[in-house]
């Protein structure tokens, strides 16, 4: 793609007068600078206040990192047997590194605990699976589904773009929910007289659960990309 005529003309003019080093600041570049480093100019000339939003973002990041460190310290085992290490490493049994196999997920909006409302299930018990980049992964209901999945045929031809190299198979997938740290408001390691397991007090942004994503895994623990799941049976 050729440069705009104005840029070409500027380049030629610089070459004629011997200017070798220069920079052209486009409107996009200037806008990026303003939003990144010059919030006072944005506010003074355009009325856009980024200071509060930036501070809120920084506070949220620091809060989530502090929560992550606390949870890692309190939920993970300090000593893991060699048998469990091998199961984690080779069989994907990541739950073996946790002190507790189960946690209780509780909505911060649930006022009926320990009773169950007919309109809103504000808490449920589930199994921990593993950490992920943004939070903790747990088993989600329904725990297992049958599905039609697109998979690559066993062939020497590894052309991933060729649709003929794929086939649709039926298989059973395990279901997991990803709870981000930002949705975990706090937790209680001691539990109570009803559930003596850690309680995670969570925000439910979508109304029915605290998950930001649902993951499907094979029984071996491999994630199946959603685009390869053709139908949940």
Protein backbone atom coordinates (compact mmCIF):
# COMPACT_ATOMS: atom_id res chain seq x y z
CA UNK A 1 0.00 0.00 0.00
CA UNK A 2 1.49 3.34 -1.05
CA UNK A 3 1.68 6.30 1.31
CA UNK A 4 -0.79 9.19 0.90
CA UNK A 5 0.35 11.89 -1.58
CA UNK A 6 0.92 14.36 1.24
CA UNK A 7 3.32 11.96 2.96
CA UNK A 8 5.16 11.23 -0.27
CA UNK A 9 5.54 14.95 -0.89
CA UNK A 10 6.86 15.47 2.63
CA UNK A 11 9.38 12.65 2.17
CA UNK A 12 10.61 14.16 -1.09
CA UNK A 13 10.92 17.63 0.43
CA UNK A 14 12.96 16.30 3.35
CA UNK A 15 15.24 14.41 1.00
CA UNK A 16 15.87 17.54 -1.06
CA UNK A 17 16.96 19.61 1.93
CA UNK A 18 18.95 16.80 3.54
CA UNK A 19 16.69 15.97 6.51
CA UNK A 20 17.29 12.29 7.26
CA UNK A 21 15.47 11.72 10.54
CA UNK A 22 11.89 12.82 11.09
CA UNK A 23 8.56 11.49 12.33
CA UNK A 24 5.02 12.01 11.12
CA UNK A 25 2.38 12.02 13.83
CA UNK A 26 -0.94 10.93 12.44
CA UNK A 27 -4.30 11.68 14.04
CA UNK A 28 -4.46 8.09 15.32
CA UNK A 29 -1.03 8.38 16.93
CA UNK A 30 -1.91 11.69 18.57
CA UNK A 31 -5.14 10.24 19.92
CA UNK A 32 -3.24 7.28 21.38
CA UNK A 33 -0.79 9.63 23.10
CA UNK A 34 -3.60 11.68 24.59
CA UNK A 35 -5.41 8.68 26.04
CA UNK A 36 -2.21 7.07 27.29
CA UNK A 37 -0.19 9.95 28.77
CA UNK A 38 -1.95 13.30 28.53
CA UNK A 39 -5.19 12.99 30.48
CA UNK A 40 -4.99 16.64 31.58
CA UNK A 41 -5.16 17.81 27.95
CA UNK A 42 -8.06 15.46 27.25
CA UNK A 43 -9.96 16.92 30.18
CA UNK A 44 -8.97 20.57 29.64
CA UNK A 45 -9.76 20.77 25.93
CA UNK A 46 -12.25 17.97 25.32
CA UNK A 47 -13.90 17.44 28.71
CA UNK A 48 -12.90 13.75 28.85
CA UNK A 49 -11.95 12.71 32.39
CA UNK A 50 -9.73 9.61 32.34
CA UNK A 51 -8.21 10.00 35.81
CA UNK A 52 -11.06 8.34 37.70
CA UNK A 53 -11.31 5.47 35.21
CA UNK A 54 -7.55 4.92 35.28
CA UNK A 55 -7.44 4.90 39.07
CA UNK A 56 -10.34 2.45 39.20
CA UNK A 57 -8.53 0.14 36.77
CA UNK A 58 -5.30 0.29 38.77
CA UNK A 59 -7.15 -0.41 42.03
CA UNK A 60 -8.97 -3.38 40.47
CA UNK A 61 -5.71 -4.90 39.18
CA UNK A 62 -4.00 -4.51 42.56
CA UNK A 63 -7.00 -5.97 44.37
CA UNK A 64 -7.18 -9.00 42.04
CA UNK A 65 -3.44 -9.67 42.37
CA UNK A 66 -3.66 -9.50 46.17
CA UNK A 67 -6.64 -11.89 46.15
CA UNK A 68 -4.79 -14.27 43.84
CA UNK A 69 -1.78 -14.40 46.20
CA UNK A 70 -4.01 -14.98 49.25
CA UNK A 71 -5.96 -17.77 47.55
CA UNK A 72 -2.83 -19.50 46.29
CA UNK A 73 -1.35 -19.39 49.78
CA UNK A 74 -4.45 -20.69 51.57
CA UNK A 75 -5.92 -23.13 49.04
CA UNK A 76 -2.79 -24.91 47.79
CA UNK A 77 -1.08 -27.76 49.62
CA UNK A 78 2.40 -27.04 50.96
CA UNK A 79 3.54 -30.63 50.40
CA UNK A 80 2.49 -32.86 47.53
CA UNK A 81 3.42 -36.53 47.32
CA UNK A 82 5.40 -37.82 44.36
CA UNK A 83 2.41 -39.93 43.33
CA UNK A 84 0.17 -36.86 43.19
CA UNK A 85 2.87 -34.84 41.39
CA UNK A 86 3.02 -37.49 38.68
CA UNK A 87 -0.78 -37.59 38.43
CA UNK A 88 -0.82 -33.79 38.03
CA UNK A 89 2.01 -33.79 35.52
CA UNK A 90 0.99 -36.73 33.35
CA UNK A 91 -2.75 -37.25 33.92
CA UNK A 92 -3.96 -33.67 34.34
CA UNK A 93 -5.20 -34.30 37.91
CA UNK A 94 -4.69 -30.66 38.88
CA UNK A 95 -7.19 -30.79 41.76
CA UNK A 96 -4.70 -32.89 43.76
CA UNK A 97 -2.62 -29.77 44.52
CA UNK A 98 -5.49 -28.17 46.46
CA UNK A 99 -6.14 -28.64 50.19
CA UNK A 100 -9.87 -28.98 49.52
CA UNK A 101 -11.52 -30.88 46.70
CA UNK A 102 -14.78 -28.89 47.04
CA UNK A 103 -15.86 -25.29 47.58
CA UNK A 104 -19.20 -23.62 48.10
CA UNK A 105 -20.04 -20.86 45.61
CA UNK A 106 -22.29 -18.21 47.17
CA UNK A 107 -23.88 -15.20 45.54
CA UNK A 108 -23.34 -11.91 47.38
CA UNK A 109 -27.01 -11.16 46.66
CA UNK A 110 -28.37 -14.32 48.30
CA UNK A 111 -30.30 -13.40 51.46
CA UNK A 112 -31.90 -16.84 51.93
CA UNK A 113 -28.85 -18.98 52.76
CA UNK A 114 -28.96 -21.76 53.86
CA UNK A 115 -32.49 -22.05 52.46
CA UNK A 116 -32.96 -22.45 48.73
CA UNK A 117 -35.27 -20.04 46.94
CA UNK A 118 -37.52 -21.35 44.19
CA UNK A 119 -36.66 -18.31 42.06
CA UNK A 120 -32.92 -18.05 42.62
CA UNK A 121 -30.34 -20.63 43.64
CA UNK A 122 -27.87 -18.43 45.46
CA UNK A 123 -25.34 -21.11 46.36
CA UNK A 124 -24.07 -24.49 45.19
CA UNK A 125 -21.28 -26.91 46.00
CA UNK A 126 -18.77 -27.77 43.31
CA UNK A 127 -15.33 -29.30 42.78
CA UNK A 128 -12.14 -27.30 42.19
CA UNK A 129 -10.31 -28.20 39.01
CA UNK A 130 -7.40 -25.77 38.54
CA UNK A 131 -6.24 -22.20 38.32
CA UNK A 132 -6.36 -20.45 34.97
CA UNK A 133 -4.83 -17.16 33.82
CA UNK A 134 -7.66 -15.02 35.21
CA UNK A 135 -9.03 -16.95 38.18
CA UNK A 136 -10.11 -20.42 39.27
CA UNK A 137 -11.76 -23.20 37.25
CA UNK A 138 -14.44 -25.40 38.79
CA UNK A 139 -16.87 -28.05 37.62
CA UNK A 140 -20.08 -26.57 36.24
CA UNK A 141 -23.56 -28.03 35.97
CA UNK A 142 -24.28 -30.17 34.04
CA UNK A 143 -20.98 -31.83 34.86
CA UNK A 144 -20.95 -33.99 31.73
CA UNK A 145 -22.56 -33.58 28.30
CA UNK A 146 -22.66 -35.62 25.11
CA UNK A 147 -21.66 -33.64 22.05
CA UNK A 148 -20.83 -33.80 18.36
CA UNK A 149 -17.29 -32.53 17.91
CA UNK A 150 -15.21 -31.77 14.84
CA UNK A 151 -11.78 -33.35 15.07
CA UNK A 152 -8.79 -33.80 12.79
CA UNK A 153 -8.53 -37.20 11.13
CA UNK A 154 -5.47 -39.29 11.78
CA UNK A 155 -3.65 -38.71 8.54
CA UNK A 156 -0.22 -37.79 7.26
CA UNK A 157 -1.82 -34.82 5.56
CA UNK A 158 -1.81 -32.14 8.26
CA UNK A 159 -3.30 -29.38 6.14
CA UNK A 160 -5.52 -27.73 8.76
CA UNK A 161 -7.28 -25.65 6.11
CA UNK A 162 -8.60 -28.68 4.24
CA UNK A 163 -12.12 -29.51 5.51
CA UNK A 164 -11.78 -33.05 4.18
CA UNK A 165 -9.18 -33.71 6.89
CA UNK A 166 -11.83 -33.37 9.60
CA UNK A 167 -14.61 -35.64 10.80
CA UNK A 168 -17.55 -35.25 13.16
CA UNK A 169 -17.54 -37.64 16.12
CA UNK A 170 -19.73 -38.15 19.16
CA UNK A 171 -18.00 -37.91 22.51
CA UNK A 172 -18.59 -37.15 26.16
CA UNK A 173 -17.23 -33.85 27.49
CA UNK A 174 -16.77 -32.59 31.03
CA UNK A 175 -18.02 -29.06 31.77
CA UNK A 176 -16.08 -26.43 33.71
CA UNK A 177 -16.78 -22.84 34.70
CA UNK A 178 -14.13 -20.12 34.83
CA UNK A 179 -14.56 -17.72 37.78
CA UNK A 180 -12.36 -14.61 37.38
CA UNK A 181 -10.79 -13.07 40.46
CA UNK A 182 -12.77 -9.89 39.85
CA UNK A 183 -16.00 -11.86 40.46
CA UNK A 184 -14.71 -13.31 43.75
CA UNK A 185 -15.50 -10.65 46.32
CA UNK A 186 -14.00 -12.59 49.24
CA UNK A 187 -13.83 -16.08 50.69
CA UNK A 188 -14.09 -17.89 54.03
CA UNK A 189 -11.73 -20.84 54.47
CA UNK A 190 -13.53 -22.16 57.58
CA UNK A 191 -17.03 -22.47 56.17
CA UNK A 192 -19.88 -22.93 58.66
CA UNK A 193 -22.03 -25.56 60.36
CA UNK A 194 -23.78 -26.34 57.06
CA UNK A 195 -20.77 -26.65 54.77
CA UNK A 196 -17.35 -27.10 56.39
CA UNK A 197 -15.49 -26.25 53.18
CA UNK A 198 -14.22 -22.91 51.79
CA UNK A 199 -17.00 -20.50 50.79
CA UNK A 200 -16.39 -18.23 47.79
CA UNK A 201 -18.59 -15.14 47.88
CA UNK A 202 -19.08 -14.16 44.26
CA UNK A 203 -20.71 -11.54 42.10
CA UNK A 204 -23.03 -13.01 39.46
CA UNK A 205 -22.74 -10.51 36.56
CA UNK A 206 -24.86 -12.61 34.20
CA UNK A 207 -27.50 -13.34 36.85
CA UNK A 208 -27.25 -17.11 37.27
CA UNK A 209 -23.56 -17.83 37.93
CA UNK A 210 -20.16 -16.13 38.42
CA UNK A 211 -18.51 -17.57 35.29
CA UNK A 212 -16.86 -15.51 32.58
CA UNK A 213 -16.56 -18.56 30.33
CA UNK A 214 -17.51 -22.25 30.09
CA UNK A 215 -14.87 -24.77 29.05
CA UNK A 216 -15.42 -28.26 27.71
CA UNK A 217 -12.75 -30.89 28.25
CA UNK A 218 -12.24 -34.49 27.21
CA UNK A 219 -11.88 -37.09 29.95
CA UNK A 220 -8.10 -36.74 29.49
CA UNK A 221 -8.36 -33.04 30.39
CA UNK A 222 -7.82 -31.53 26.93
CA UNK A 223 -9.83 -28.39 26.19
CA UNK A 224 -12.17 -28.61 23.18
CA UNK A 225 -12.47 -25.24 21.43
CA UNK A 226 -16.04 -24.01 21.21
CA UNK A 227 -15.82 -23.61 17.44
CA UNK A 228 -15.21 -27.36 17.17
CA UNK A 229 -18.35 -28.24 19.16
CA UNK A 230 -21.06 -28.63 16.54
CA UNK A 231 -23.89 -29.71 18.81
CA UNK A 232 -24.57 -30.43 22.48
CA UNK A 233 -26.79 -33.53 22.56
